[in-house]
């Protein structure tokens, strides 16, 4: 749904490119509408870039407006983004990724980060 030229771009995206990126959540939802997926799946598809403080996209949802399942994917997707190689930066450790999300406590569900840390310790 996002052109490879944008995904693999080695530097910061332009505002137009970011607008294209921001559309992928709703485009993903539209492309799956005919499959009669459960609503909780559709919620995750469209909400996986939202943030607890409303700063995410595509709808700027806040807190409890975001489904619990989407919150799990938000954490997983953000951790993956930080720990994966990107054309514009090297991957970071899992520990650093969690630290970054902890520092942005207004954006990420801290209870889910606690669960993730406990899983990693076991």
PDB file of N, CA and C in Angstrom:
ATOM      1  N   UNK A   1       0.799  -1.200   0.000  1.00  0.00           N
ATOM      2  CA  UNK A   1       0.000   0.000   0.000  1.00  0.00           C
ATOM      3  C   UNK A   1       0.846   1.270   0.000  1.00  0.00           C
ATOM      4  N   UNK A   2       2.085   1.150   0.470  1.00  0.00           N
ATOM      5  CA  UNK A   2       3.001   2.290   0.458  1.00  0.00           C
ATOM      6  C   UNK A   2       4.075   1.993  -0.589  1.00  0.00           C
ATOM      7  N   UNK A   3       4.323   2.914  -1.507  1.00  0.00           N
ATOM      8  CA  UNK A   3       5.347   2.673  -2.528  1.00  0.00           C
ATOM      9  C   UNK A   3       6.714   2.360  -1.917  1.00  0.00           C
ATOM     10  N   UNK A   4       7.400   1.419  -2.553  1.00  0.00           N
ATOM     11  CA  UNK A   4       8.723   1.006  -2.087  1.00  0.00           C
ATOM     12  C   UNK A   4       9.694   2.187  -2.018  1.00  0.00           C
ATOM     13  N   UNK A   5       9.543   3.120  -2.946  1.00  0.00           N
ATOM     14  CA  UNK A   5      10.439   4.282  -2.972  1.00  0.00           C
ATOM     15  C   UNK A   5      10.323   5.114  -1.698  1.00  0.00           C
ATOM     16  N   UNK A   6       9.164   5.079  -1.077  1.00  0.00           N
ATOM     17  CA  UNK A   6       8.969   5.799   0.185  1.00  0.00           C
ATOM     18  C   UNK A   6       9.484   4.967   1.350  1.00  0.00           C
ATOM     19  N   UNK A   7       9.135   3.684   1.364  1.00  0.00           N
ATOM     20  CA  UNK A   7       9.555   2.803   2.460  1.00  0.00           C
ATOM     21  C   UNK A   7      11.075   2.732   2.557  1.00  0.00           C
ATOM     22  N   UNK A   8      11.747   2.706   1.419  1.00  0.00           N
ATOM     23  CA  UNK A   8      13.201   2.533   1.407  1.00  0.00           C
ATOM     24  C   UNK A   8      13.971   3.844   1.264  1.00  0.00           C
ATOM     25  N   UNK A   9      13.301   4.949   1.366  1.00  0.00           N
ATOM     26  CA  UNK A   9      13.969   6.242   1.206  1.00  0.00           C
ATOM     27  C   UNK A   9      15.020   6.428   2.306  1.00  0.00           C
ATOM     28  N   UNK A  10      16.247   6.795   1.929  1.00  0.00           N
ATOM     29  CA  UNK A  10      17.330   6.879   2.916  1.00  0.00           C
ATOM     30  C   UNK A  10      17.370   8.156   3.750  1.00  0.00           C
ATOM     31  N   UNK A  11      16.406   9.013   3.587  1.00  0.00           N
ATOM     32  CA  UNK A  11      16.392  10.246   4.393  1.00  0.00           C
ATOM     33  C   UNK A  11      14.958  10.572   4.792  1.00  0.00           C
ATOM     34  N   UNK A  12      14.813  11.662   5.509  1.00  0.00           N
ATOM     35  CA  UNK A  12      13.508  12.066   6.029  1.00  0.00           C
ATOM     36  C   UNK A  12      12.495  12.248   4.899  1.00  0.00           C
ATOM     37  N   UNK A  13      11.251  11.831   5.183  1.00  0.00           N
ATOM     38  CA  UNK A  13      10.188  11.945   4.183  1.00  0.00           C
ATOM     39  C   UNK A  13       9.672  13.375   4.098  1.00  0.00           C
ATOM     40  N   UNK A  14       9.227  13.740   2.905  1.00  0.00           N
ATOM     41  CA  UNK A  14       8.588  15.039   2.721  1.00  0.00           C
ATOM     42  C   UNK A  14       7.182  14.979   3.309  1.00  0.00           C
ATOM     43  N   UNK A  15       6.543  16.110   3.442  1.00  0.00           N
ATOM     44  CA  UNK A  15       5.172  16.138   3.967  1.00  0.00           C
ATOM     45  C   UNK A  15       4.226  15.382   3.040  1.00  0.00           C
ATOM     46  N   UNK A  16       4.410  15.485   1.739  1.00  0.00           N
ATOM     47  CA  UNK A  16       3.568  14.750   0.778  1.00  0.00           C
ATOM     48  C   UNK A  16       3.767  13.250   0.953  1.00  0.00           C
ATOM     49  N   UNK A  17       5.013  12.811   1.115  1.00  0.00           N
ATOM     50  CA  UNK A  17       5.285  11.388   1.332  1.00  0.00           C
ATOM     51  C   UNK A  17       4.671  10.914   2.643  1.00  0.00           C
ATOM     52  N   UNK A  18       4.750  11.737   3.680  1.00  0.00           N
ATOM     53  CA  UNK A  18       4.126  11.374   4.963  1.00  0.00           C
ATOM     54  C   UNK A  18       2.610  11.253   4.818  1.00  0.00           C
ATOM     55  N   UNK A  19       1.992  12.107   4.020  1.00  0.00           N
ATOM     56  CA  UNK A  19       0.550  11.997   3.775  1.00  0.00           C
ATOM     57  C   UNK A  19       0.214  10.659   3.125  1.00  0.00           C
ATOM     58  N   UNK A  20       1.059  10.212   2.215  1.00  0.00           N
ATOM     59  CA  UNK A  20       0.855   8.905   1.577  1.00  0.00           C
ATOM     60  C   UNK A  20       0.978   7.798   2.616  1.00  0.00           C
ATOM     61  N   UNK A  21       1.988   7.884   3.466  1.00  0.00           N
ATOM     62  CA  UNK A  21       2.173   6.885   4.527  1.00  0.00           C
ATOM     63  C   UNK A  21       0.951   6.857   5.441  1.00  0.00           C
ATOM     64  N   UNK A  22       0.469   8.013   5.823  1.00  0.00           N
ATOM     65  CA  UNK A  22      -0.667   8.091   6.751  1.00  0.00           C
ATOM     66  C   UNK A  22      -1.946   7.482   6.174  1.00  0.00           C
ATOM     67  N   UNK A  23      -2.025   7.356   4.864  1.00  0.00           N
ATOM     68  CA  UNK A  23      -3.221   6.790   4.237  1.00  0.00           C
ATOM     69  C   UNK A  23      -3.276   5.268   4.317  1.00  0.00           C
ATOM     70  N   UNK A  24      -2.149   4.614   4.617  1.00  0.00           N
ATOM     71  CA  UNK A  24      -2.137   3.157   4.513  1.00  0.00           C
ATOM     72  C   UNK A  24      -3.063   2.455   5.505  1.00  0.00           C
ATOM     73  N   UNK A  25      -3.333   3.055   6.637  1.00  0.00           N
ATOM     74  CA  UNK A  25      -4.226   2.426   7.615  1.00  0.00           C
ATOM     75  C   UNK A  25      -5.641   2.309   7.052  1.00  0.00           C
ATOM     76  N   UNK A  26      -6.150   3.402   6.540  1.00  0.00           N
ATOM     77  CA  UNK A  26      -7.508   3.384   6.000  1.00  0.00           C
ATOM     78  C   UNK A  26      -7.572   2.644   4.670  1.00  0.00           C
ATOM     79  N   UNK A  27      -6.516   2.710   3.867  1.00  0.00           N
ATOM     80  CA  UNK A  27      -6.490   1.937   2.625  1.00  0.00           C
ATOM     81  C   UNK A  27      -6.478   0.442   2.930  1.00  0.00           C
ATOM     82  N   UNK A  28      -5.744   0.055   3.961  1.00  0.00           N
ATOM     83  CA  UNK A  28      -5.737  -1.344   4.380  1.00  0.00           C
ATOM     84  C   UNK A  28      -7.112  -1.805   4.805  1.00  0.00           C
ATOM     85  N   UNK A  29      -7.792  -0.972   5.561  1.00  0.00           N
ATOM     86  CA  UNK A  29      -9.149  -1.296   5.997  1.00  0.00           C
ATOM     87  C   UNK A  29     -10.079  -1.427   4.790  1.00  0.00           C
ATOM     88  N   UNK A  30     -10.006  -0.491   3.871  1.00  0.00           N
ATOM     89  CA  UNK A  30     -10.851  -0.535   2.672  1.00  0.00           C
ATOM     90  C   UNK A  30     -10.586  -1.781   1.839  1.00  0.00           C
ATOM     91  N   UNK A  31      -9.320  -2.164   1.713  1.00  0.00           N
ATOM     92  CA  UNK A  31      -8.983  -3.320   0.884  1.00  0.00           C
ATOM     93  C   UNK A  31      -9.460  -4.635   1.493  1.00  0.00           C
ATOM     94  N   UNK A  32      -9.774  -4.638   2.781  1.00  0.00           N
ATOM     95  CA  UNK A  32     -10.216  -5.869   3.448  1.00  0.00           C
ATOM     96  C   UNK A  32     -11.705  -5.880   3.789  1.00  0.00           C
ATOM     97  N   UNK A  33     -12.419  -4.824   3.451  1.00  0.00           N
ATOM     98  CA  UNK A  33     -13.842  -4.730   3.803  1.00  0.00           C
ATOM     99  C   UNK A  33     -14.677  -5.890   3.282  1.00  0.00           C
ATOM    100  N   UNK A  34     -14.389  -6.385   2.099  1.00  0.00           N
ATOM    101  CA  UNK A  34     -15.199  -7.441   1.483  1.00  0.00           C
ATOM    102  C   UNK A  34     -14.960  -8.821   2.087  1.00  0.00           C
ATOM    103  N   UNK A  35     -14.030  -8.941   3.024  1.00  0.00           N
ATOM    104  CA  UNK A  35     -13.706 -10.236   3.609  1.00  0.00           C
ATOM    105  C   UNK A  35     -14.473 -10.538   4.888  1.00  0.00           C
ATOM    106  N   UNK A  36     -15.338  -9.635   5.295  1.00  0.00           N
ATOM    107  CA  UNK A  36     -16.165  -9.829   6.491  1.00  0.00           C
ATOM    108  C   UNK A  36     -15.348 -10.222   7.721  1.00  0.00           C
ATOM    109  N   UNK A  37     -14.250  -9.543   7.921  1.00  0.00           N
ATOM    110  CA  UNK A  37     -13.426  -9.794   9.104  1.00  0.00           C
ATOM    111  C   UNK A  37     -14.127  -9.239  10.336  1.00  0.00           C
ATOM    112  N   UNK A  38     -13.869  -9.822  11.503  1.00  0.00           N
ATOM    113  CA  UNK A  38     -14.457  -9.285  12.731  1.00  0.00           C
ATOM    114  C   UNK A  38     -14.047  -7.824  12.936  1.00  0.00           C
ATOM    115  N   UNK A  39     -14.914  -7.056  13.552  1.00  0.00           N
ATOM    116  CA  UNK A  39     -14.658  -5.631  13.761  1.00  0.00           C
ATOM    117  C   UNK A  39     -13.365  -5.385  14.536  1.00  0.00           C
ATOM    118  N   UNK A  40     -13.043  -6.270  15.499  1.00  0.00           N
ATOM    119  CA  UNK A  40     -11.810  -6.040  16.261  1.00  0.00           C
ATOM    120  C   UNK A  40     -10.569  -6.130  15.367  1.00  0.00           C
ATOM    121  N   UNK A  41     -10.613  -6.938  14.315  1.00  0.00           N
ATOM    122  CA  UNK A  41      -9.497  -6.988  13.366  1.00  0.00           C
ATOM    123  C   UNK A  41      -9.412  -5.677  12.586  1.00  0.00           C
ATOM    124  N   UNK A  42     -10.571  -5.206  12.140  1.00  0.00           N
ATOM    125  CA  UNK A  42     -10.616  -3.964  11.370  1.00  0.00           C
ATOM    126  C   UNK A  42     -10.135  -2.785  12.223  1.00  0.00           C
ATOM    127  N   UNK A  43     -10.490  -2.806  13.512  1.00  0.00           N
ATOM    128  CA  UNK A  43     -10.030  -1.747  14.419  1.00  0.00           C
ATOM    129  C   UNK A  43      -8.505  -1.717  14.489  1.00  0.00           C
ATOM    130  N   UNK A  44      -7.893  -2.885  14.597  1.00  0.00           N
ATOM    131  CA  UNK A  44      -6.432  -2.954  14.668  1.00  0.00           C
ATOM    132  C   UNK A  44      -5.814  -2.419  13.376  1.00  0.00           C
ATOM    133  N   UNK A  45      -6.386  -2.801  12.252  1.00  0.00           N
ATOM    134  CA  UNK A  45      -5.845  -2.360  10.963  1.00  0.00           C
ATOM    135  C   UNK A  45      -5.833  -0.842  10.868  1.00  0.00           C
ATOM    136  N   UNK A  46      -6.932  -0.219  11.252  1.00  0.00           N
ATOM    137  CA  UNK A  46      -7.027   1.235  11.087  1.00  0.00           C
ATOM    138  C   UNK A  46      -6.391   2.013  12.250  1.00  0.00           C
ATOM    139  N   UNK A  47      -6.244   1.389  13.418  1.00  0.00           N
ATOM    140  CA  UNK A  47      -5.770   2.116  14.605  1.00  0.00           C
ATOM    141  C   UNK A  47      -4.300   1.881  14.962  1.00  0.00           C
ATOM    142  N   UNK A  48      -3.577   1.077  14.223  1.00  0.00           N
ATOM    143  CA  UNK A  48      -2.237   0.676  14.672  1.00  0.00           C
ATOM    144  C   UNK A  48      -1.187   1.790  14.659  1.00  0.00           C
ATOM    145  N   UNK A  49      -1.537   2.979  14.192  1.00  0.00           N
ATOM    146  CA  UNK A  49      -0.618   4.126  14.290  1.00  0.00           C
ATOM    147  C   UNK A  49      -1.189   5.252  15.146  1.00  0.00           C
ATOM    148  N   UNK A  50      -2.237   4.964  15.876  1.00  0.00           N
ATOM    149  CA  UNK A  50      -2.780   5.950  16.816  1.00  0.00           C
ATOM    150  C   UNK A  50      -1.866   6.004  18.037  1.00  0.00           C
ATOM    151  N   UNK A  51      -1.992   7.044  18.837  1.00  0.00           N
ATOM    152  CA  UNK A  51      -1.223   7.191  20.072  1.00  0.00           C
ATOM    153  C   UNK A  51      -2.169   7.648  21.175  1.00  0.00           C
ATOM    154  N   UNK A  52      -1.884   7.242  22.399  1.00  0.00           N
ATOM    155  CA  UNK A  52      -2.785   7.518  23.522  1.00  0.00           C
ATOM    156  C   UNK A  52      -3.101   8.997  23.693  1.00  0.00           C
ATOM    157  N   UNK A  53      -2.166   9.861  23.331  1.00  0.00           N
ATOM    158  CA  UNK A  53      -2.373  11.304  23.507  1.00  0.00           C
ATOM    159  C   UNK A  53      -3.075  11.966  22.320  1.00  0.00           C
ATOM    160  N   UNK A  54      -3.472  11.167  21.331  1.00  0.00           N
ATOM    161  CA  UNK A  54      -4.170  11.711  20.166  1.00  0.00           C
ATOM    162  C   UNK A  54      -3.259  12.185  19.053  1.00  0.00           C
ATOM    163  N   UNK A  55      -1.954  12.003  19.204  1.00  0.00           N
ATOM    164  CA  UNK A  55      -1.010  12.505  18.205  1.00  0.00           C
ATOM    165  C   UNK A  55      -0.806  11.559  17.024  1.00  0.00           C
ATOM    166  N   UNK A  56      -1.432  10.392  17.061  1.00  0.00           N
ATOM    167  CA  UNK A  56      -1.254   9.425  15.977  1.00  0.00           C
ATOM    168  C   UNK A  56      -2.149   9.696  14.785  1.00  0.00           C
ATOM    169  N   UNK A  57      -2.155   8.739  13.879  1.00  0.00           N
ATOM    170  CA  UNK A  57      -2.987   8.852  12.684  1.00  0.00           C
ATOM    171  C   UNK A  57      -3.651   7.516  12.412  1.00  0.00           C
ATOM    172  N   UNK A  58      -4.717   7.431  11.651  1.00  0.00           N
ATOM    173  CA  UNK A  58      -5.279   8.473  10.790  1.00  0.00           C
ATOM    174  C   UNK A  58      -6.340   9.345  11.451  1.00  0.00           C
ATOM    175  N   UNK A  59      -6.832   8.939  12.599  1.00  0.00           N
ATOM    176  CA  UNK A  59      -7.993   9.646  13.165  1.00  0.00           C
ATOM    177  C   UNK A  59      -7.696  10.468  14.416  1.00  0.00           C
ATOM    178  N   UNK A  60      -6.488  10.401  14.930  1.00  0.00           N
ATOM    179  CA  UNK A  60      -6.153  11.156  16.135  1.00  0.00           C
ATOM    180  C   UNK A  60      -6.907  10.682  17.361  1.00  0.00           C
ATOM    181  N   UNK A  61      -7.157   9.356  17.437  1.00  0.00           N
ATOM    182  CA  UNK A  61      -7.875   8.799  18.587  1.00  0.00           C
ATOM    183  C   UNK A  61      -7.024   8.923  19.842  1.00  0.00           C
ATOM    184  N   UNK A  62      -7.689   8.947  21.004  1.00  0.00           N
ATOM    185  CA  UNK A  62      -7.007   9.070  22.294  1.00  0.00           C
ATOM    186  C   UNK A  62      -7.428   7.942  23.226  1.00  0.00           C
ATOM    187  N   UNK A  63      -6.520   7.571  24.121  1.00  0.00           N
ATOM    188  CA  UNK A  63      -6.817   6.678  25.239  1.00  0.00           C
ATOM    189  C   UNK A  63      -7.751   5.535  24.918  1.00  0.00           C
ATOM    190  N   UNK A  64      -8.894   5.508  25.606  1.00  0.00           N
ATOM    191  CA  UNK A  64      -9.841   4.410  25.472  1.00  0.00           C
ATOM    192  C   UNK A  64     -10.595   4.398  24.151  1.00  0.00           C
ATOM    193  N   UNK A  65     -10.402   5.405  23.318  1.00  0.00           N
ATOM    194  CA  UNK A  65     -10.974   5.366  21.970  1.00  0.00           C
ATOM    195  C   UNK A  65     -10.239   4.339  21.105  1.00  0.00           C
ATOM    196  N   UNK A  66      -9.044   3.961  21.535  1.00  0.00           N
ATOM    197  CA  UNK A  66      -8.222   2.980  20.823  1.00  0.00           C
ATOM    198  C   UNK A  66      -8.494   1.611  21.431  1.00  0.00           C
ATOM    199  N   UNK A  67      -8.751   0.615  20.583  1.00  0.00           N
ATOM    200  CA  UNK A  67      -9.052  -0.721  21.101  1.00  0.00           C
ATOM    201  C   UNK A  67      -7.830  -1.317  21.801  1.00  0.00           C
ATOM    202  N   UNK A  68      -8.091  -2.223  22.745  1.00  0.00           N
ATOM    203  CA  UNK A  68      -7.001  -2.871  23.476  1.00  0.00           C
ATOM    204  C   UNK A  68      -6.095  -3.643  22.512  1.00  0.00           C
ATOM    205  N   UNK A  69      -6.706  -4.368  21.572  1.00  0.00           N
ATOM    206  CA  UNK A  69      -5.906  -5.126  20.608  1.00  0.00           C
ATOM    207  C   UNK A  69      -5.021  -4.201  19.778  1.00  0.00           C
ATOM    208  N   UNK A  70      -5.547  -3.045  19.396  1.00  0.00           N
ATOM    209  CA  UNK A  70      -4.740  -2.086  18.638  1.00  0.00           C
ATOM    210  C   UNK A  70      -3.584  -1.574  19.493  1.00  0.00           C
ATOM    211  N   UNK A  71      -3.812  -1.386  20.785  1.00  0.00           N
ATOM    212  CA  UNK A  71      -2.732  -0.923  21.668  1.00  0.00           C
ATOM    213  C   UNK A  71      -1.585  -1.935  21.706  1.00  0.00           C
ATOM    214  N   UNK A  72      -1.919  -3.210  21.693  1.00  0.00           N
ATOM    215  CA  UNK A  72      -0.885  -4.252  21.666  1.00  0.00           C
ATOM    216  C   UNK A  72      -0.071  -4.133  20.380  1.00  0.00           C
ATOM    217  N   UNK A  73      -0.763  -3.957  19.262  1.00  0.00           N
ATOM    218  CA  UNK A  73      -0.078  -3.844  17.972  1.00  0.00           C
ATOM    219  C   UNK A  73       0.713  -2.538  17.886  1.00  0.00           C
ATOM    220  N   UNK A  74       0.203  -1.479  18.475  1.00  0.00           N
ATOM    221  CA  UNK A  74       0.931  -0.201  18.507  1.00  0.00           C
ATOM    222  C   UNK A  74       2.295  -0.398  19.174  1.00  0.00           C
ATOM    223  N   UNK A  75       2.312  -1.077  20.307  1.00  0.00           N
ATOM    224  CA  UNK A  75       3.576  -1.333  21.007  1.00  0.00           C
ATOM    225  C   UNK A  75       4.471  -2.227  20.151  1.00  0.00           C
ATOM    226  N   UNK A  76       3.919  -3.319  19.624  1.00  0.00           N
ATOM    227  CA  UNK A  76       4.717  -4.248  18.818  1.00  0.00           C
ATOM    228  C   UNK A  76       5.279  -3.563  17.574  1.00  0.00           C
ATOM    229  N   UNK A  77       4.451  -2.790  16.893  1.00  0.00           N
ATOM    230  CA  UNK A  77       4.876  -2.102  15.675  1.00  0.00           C
ATOM    231  C   UNK A  77       5.959  -1.067  15.979  1.00  0.00           C
ATOM    232  N   UNK A  78       5.805  -0.350  17.067  1.00  0.00           N
ATOM    233  CA  UNK A  78       6.791   0.668  17.441  1.00  0.00           C
ATOM    234  C   UNK A  78       8.118   0.031  17.840  1.00  0.00           C
ATOM    235  N   UNK A  79       8.050  -1.054  18.600  1.00  0.00           N
ATOM    236  CA  UNK A  79       9.265  -1.785  18.984  1.00  0.00           C
ATOM    237  C   UNK A  79       9.960  -2.305  17.726  1.00  0.00           C
ATOM    238  N   UNK A  80       9.176  -2.877  16.817  1.00  0.00           N
ATOM    239  CA  UNK A  80       9.739  -3.392  15.572  1.00  0.00           C
ATOM    240  C   UNK A  80      10.409  -2.278  14.767  1.00  0.00           C
ATOM    241  N   UNK A  81       9.765  -1.132  14.685  1.00  0.00           N
ATOM    242  CA  UNK A  81      10.328  -0.009  13.928  1.00  0.00           C
ATOM    243  C   UNK A  81      11.665   0.443  14.510  1.00  0.00           C
ATOM    244  N   UNK A  82      11.766   0.448  15.824  1.00  0.00           N
ATOM    245  CA  UNK A  82      12.991   0.910  16.484  1.00  0.00           C
ATOM    246  C   UNK A  82      14.109  -0.128  16.386  1.00  0.00           C
ATOM    247  N   UNK A  83      13.757  -1.406  16.470  1.00  0.00           N
ATOM    248  CA  UNK A  83      14.775  -2.464  16.487  1.00  0.00           C
ATOM    249  C   UNK A  83      15.135  -2.985  15.100  1.00  0.00           C
ATOM    250  N   UNK A  84      14.439  -2.535  14.067  1.00  0.00           N
ATOM    251  CA  UNK A  84      14.714  -2.976  12.696  1.00  0.00           C
ATOM    252  C   UNK A  84      15.619  -1.985  11.972  1.00  0.00           C
ATOM    253  N   UNK A  85      16.365  -2.517  11.031  1.00  0.00           N
ATOM    254  CA  UNK A  85      17.202  -1.654  10.189  1.00  0.00           C
ATOM    255  C   UNK A  85      16.305  -0.789   9.311  1.00  0.00           C
ATOM    256  N   UNK A  86      16.664   0.454   9.195  1.00  0.00           N
ATOM    257  CA  UNK A  86      15.980   1.390   8.307  1.00  0.00           C
ATOM    258  C   UNK A  86      17.046   2.038   7.427  1.00  0.00           C
ATOM    259  N   UNK A  87      16.689   2.425   6.216  1.00  0.00           N
ATOM    260  CA  UNK A  87      17.700   3.038   5.340  1.00  0.00           C
ATOM    261  C   UNK A  87      18.351   4.274   5.956  1.00  0.00           C
ATOM    262  N   UNK A  88      17.657   4.928   6.872  1.00  0.00           N
ATOM    263  CA  UNK A  88      18.151   6.175   7.449  1.00  0.00           C
ATOM    264  C   UNK A  88      18.733   6.018   8.848  1.00  0.00           C
ATOM    265  N   UNK A  89      18.735   4.782   9.412  1.00  0.00           N
ATOM    266  CA  UNK A  89      19.343   4.591  10.733  1.00  0.00           C
ATOM    267  C   UNK A  89      19.559   3.109  11.031  1.00  0.00           C
ATOM    268  N   UNK A  90      20.468   2.863  11.961  1.00  0.00           N
ATOM    269  CA  UNK A  90      20.766   1.494  12.376  1.00  0.00           C
ATOM    270  C   UNK A  90      19.724   1.018  13.384  1.00  0.00           C
ATOM    271  N   UNK A  91      19.556  -0.305  13.498  1.00  0.00           N
ATOM    272  CA  UNK A  91      18.614  -0.819  14.501  1.00  0.00           C
ATOM    273  C   UNK A  91      19.128  -0.580  15.913  1.00  0.00           C
ATOM    274  N   UNK A  92      18.205  -0.420  16.834  1.00  0.00           N
ATOM    275  CA  UNK A  92      18.553  -0.258  18.241  1.00  0.00           C
ATOM    276  C   UNK A  92      18.177  -1.531  18.998  1.00  0.00           C
ATOM    277  N   UNK A  93      18.692  -1.662  20.189  1.00  0.00           N
ATOM    278  CA  UNK A  93      18.405  -2.839  21.007  1.00  0.00           C
ATOM    279  C   UNK A  93      16.967  -2.794  21.524  1.00  0.00           C
ATOM    280  N   UNK A  94      16.479  -3.953  21.907  1.00  0.00           N
ATOM    281  CA  UNK A  94      15.142  -4.045  22.494  1.00  0.00           C
ATOM    282  C   UNK A  94      15.066  -3.197  23.761  1.00  0.00           C
ATOM    283  N   UNK A  95      16.123  -3.246  24.557  1.00  0.00           N
ATOM    284  CA  UNK A  95      16.160  -2.455  25.791  1.00  0.00           C
ATOM    285  C   UNK A  95      16.007  -0.962  25.485  1.00  0.00           C
ATOM    286  N   UNK A  96      16.723  -0.472  24.488  1.00  0.00           N
ATOM    287  CA  UNK A  96      16.613   0.938  24.102  1.00  0.00           C
ATOM    288  C   UNK A  96      15.237   1.262  23.537  1.00  0.00           C
ATOM    289  N   UNK A  97      14.664   0.315  22.804  1.00  0.00           N
ATOM    290  CA  UNK A  97      13.332   0.538  22.233  1.00  0.00           C
ATOM    291  C   UNK A  97      12.301   0.719  23.343  1.00  0.00           C
ATOM    292  N   UNK A  98      12.340  -0.160  24.329  1.00  0.00           N
ATOM    293  CA  UNK A  98      11.398  -0.047  25.445  1.00  0.00           C
ATOM    294  C   UNK A  98      11.641   1.252  26.207  1.00  0.00           C
ATOM    295  N   UNK A  99      12.906   1.597  26.395  1.00  0.00           N
ATOM    296  CA  UNK A  99      13.238   2.856  27.084  1.00  0.00           C
ATOM    297  C   UNK A  99      12.632   4.049  26.343  1.00  0.00           C
ATOM    298  N   UNK A 100      12.739   4.054  25.018  1.00  0.00           N
ATOM    299  CA  UNK A 100      12.165   5.155  24.229  1.00  0.00           C
ATOM    300  C   UNK A 100      10.656   5.245  24.430  1.00  0.00           C
ATOM    301  N   UNK A 101       9.977   4.093  24.410  1.00  0.00           N
ATOM    302  CA  UNK A 101       8.525   4.106  24.594  1.00  0.00           C
ATOM    303  C   UNK A 101       8.160   4.497  26.020  1.00  0.00           C
ATOM    304  N   UNK A 102       8.979   4.122  26.970  1.00  0.00           N
ATOM    305  CA  UNK A 102       8.757   4.547  28.365  1.00  0.00           C
ATOM    306  C   UNK A 102       8.876   6.070  28.485  1.00  0.00           C
ATOM    307  N   UNK A 103       9.829   6.641  27.770  1.00  0.00           N
ATOM    308  CA  UNK A 103      10.031   8.093  27.819  1.00  0.00           C
ATOM    309  C   UNK A 103       8.851   8.856  27.220  1.00  0.00           C
ATOM    310  N   UNK A 104       8.130   8.212  26.332  1.00  0.00           N
ATOM    311  CA  UNK A 104       6.959   8.840  25.716  1.00  0.00           C
ATOM    312  C   UNK A 104       5.686   8.256  26.332  1.00  0.00           C
ATOM    313  N   UNK A 105       5.629   8.293  27.651  1.00  0.00           N
ATOM    314  CA  UNK A 105       4.548   7.634  28.389  1.00  0.00           C
ATOM    315  C   UNK A 105       3.166   8.155  28.048  1.00  0.00           C
ATOM    316  N   UNK A 106       3.082   9.388  27.552  1.00  0.00           N
ATOM    317  CA  UNK A 106       1.775   9.927  27.174  1.00  0.00           C
ATOM    318  C   UNK A 106       1.270   9.308  25.864  1.00  0.00           C
ATOM    319  N   UNK A 107       2.153   8.651  25.122  1.00  0.00           N
ATOM    320  CA  UNK A 107       1.783   8.081  23.829  1.00  0.00           C
ATOM    321  C   UNK A 107       1.535   6.573  23.867  1.00  0.00           C
ATOM    322  N   UNK A 108       2.242   5.869  24.761  1.00  0.00           N
ATOM    323  CA  UNK A 108       2.237   4.409  24.748  1.00  0.00           C
ATOM    324  C   UNK A 108       1.686   3.829  26.044  1.00  0.00           C
ATOM    325  N   UNK A 109       0.952   2.715  25.950  1.00  0.00           N
ATOM    326  CA  UNK A 109       0.378   2.087  27.145  1.00  0.00           C
ATOM    327  C   UNK A 109       1.466   1.451  28.015  1.00  0.00           C
ATOM    328  N   UNK A 110       1.737   2.079  29.129  1.00  0.00           N
ATOM    329  CA  UNK A 110       2.811   1.648  30.015  1.00  0.00           C
ATOM    330  C   UNK A 110       2.561   0.263  30.606  1.00  0.00           C
ATOM    331  N   UNK A 111       1.293  -0.083  30.832  1.00  0.00           N
ATOM    332  CA  UNK A 111       0.991  -1.411  31.370  1.00  0.00           C
ATOM    333  C   UNK A 111       1.421  -2.507  30.397  1.00  0.00           C
ATOM    334  N   UNK A 112       1.281  -2.263  29.108  1.00  0.00           N
ATOM    335  CA  UNK A 112       1.707  -3.258  28.124  1.00  0.00           C
ATOM    336  C   UNK A 112       3.228  -3.338  28.040  1.00  0.00           C
ATOM    337  N   UNK A 113       3.903  -2.231  28.249  1.00  0.00           N
ATOM    338  CA  UNK A 113       5.368  -2.261  28.287  1.00  0.00           C
ATOM    339  C   UNK A 113       5.862  -3.045  29.496  1.00  0.00           C
ATOM    340  N   UNK A 114       5.151  -2.934  30.613  1.00  0.00           N
ATOM    341  CA  UNK A 114       5.499  -3.711  31.806  1.00  0.00           C
ATOM    342  C   UNK A 114       5.362  -5.201  31.520  1.00  0.00           C
ATOM    343  N   UNK A 115       4.277  -5.582  30.853  1.00  0.00           N
ATOM    344  CA  UNK A 115       4.075  -6.992  30.484  1.00  0.00           C
ATOM    345  C   UNK A 115       5.204  -7.455  29.567  1.00  0.00           C
ATOM    346  N   UNK A 116       5.550  -6.650  28.583  1.00  0.00           N
ATOM    347  CA  UNK A 116       6.633  -6.997  27.662  1.00  0.00           C
ATOM    348  C   UNK A 116       7.951  -7.185  28.410  1.00  0.00           C
ATOM    349  N   UNK A 117       8.247  -6.303  29.339  1.00  0.00           N
ATOM    350  CA  UNK A 117       9.482  -6.431  30.124  1.00  0.00           C
ATOM    351  C   UNK A 117       9.478  -7.718  30.946  1.00  0.00           C
ATOM    352  N   UNK A 118       8.337  -8.072  31.519  1.00  0.00           N
ATOM    353  CA  UNK A 118       8.249  -9.315  32.305  1.00  0.00           C
ATOM    354  C   UNK A 118       8.453 -10.531  31.416  1.00  0.00           C
ATOM    355  N   UNK A 119       7.897 -10.490  30.211  1.00  0.00           N
ATOM    356  CA  UNK A 119       8.086 -11.599  29.268  1.00  0.00           C
ATOM    357  C   UNK A 119       9.564 -11.733  28.913  1.00  0.00           C
ATOM    358  N   UNK A 120      10.215 -10.621  28.692  1.00  0.00           N
ATOM    359  CA  UNK A 120      11.637 -10.650  28.326  1.00  0.00           C
ATOM    360  C   UNK A 120      12.514 -11.161  29.462  1.00  0.00           C
ATOM    361  N   UNK A 121      12.101 -10.910  30.701  1.00  0.00           N
ATOM    362  CA  UNK A 121      12.874 -11.360  31.859  1.00  0.00           C
ATOM    363  C   UNK A 121      12.720 -12.851  32.111  1.00  0.00           C
ATOM    364  N   UNK A 122      11.653 -13.439  31.617  1.00  0.00           N
ATOM    365  CA  UNK A 122      11.403 -14.862  31.919  1.00  0.00           C
ATOM    366  C   UNK A 122      12.100 -15.791  30.956  1.00  0.00           C
TER     367      UNK A 122
END
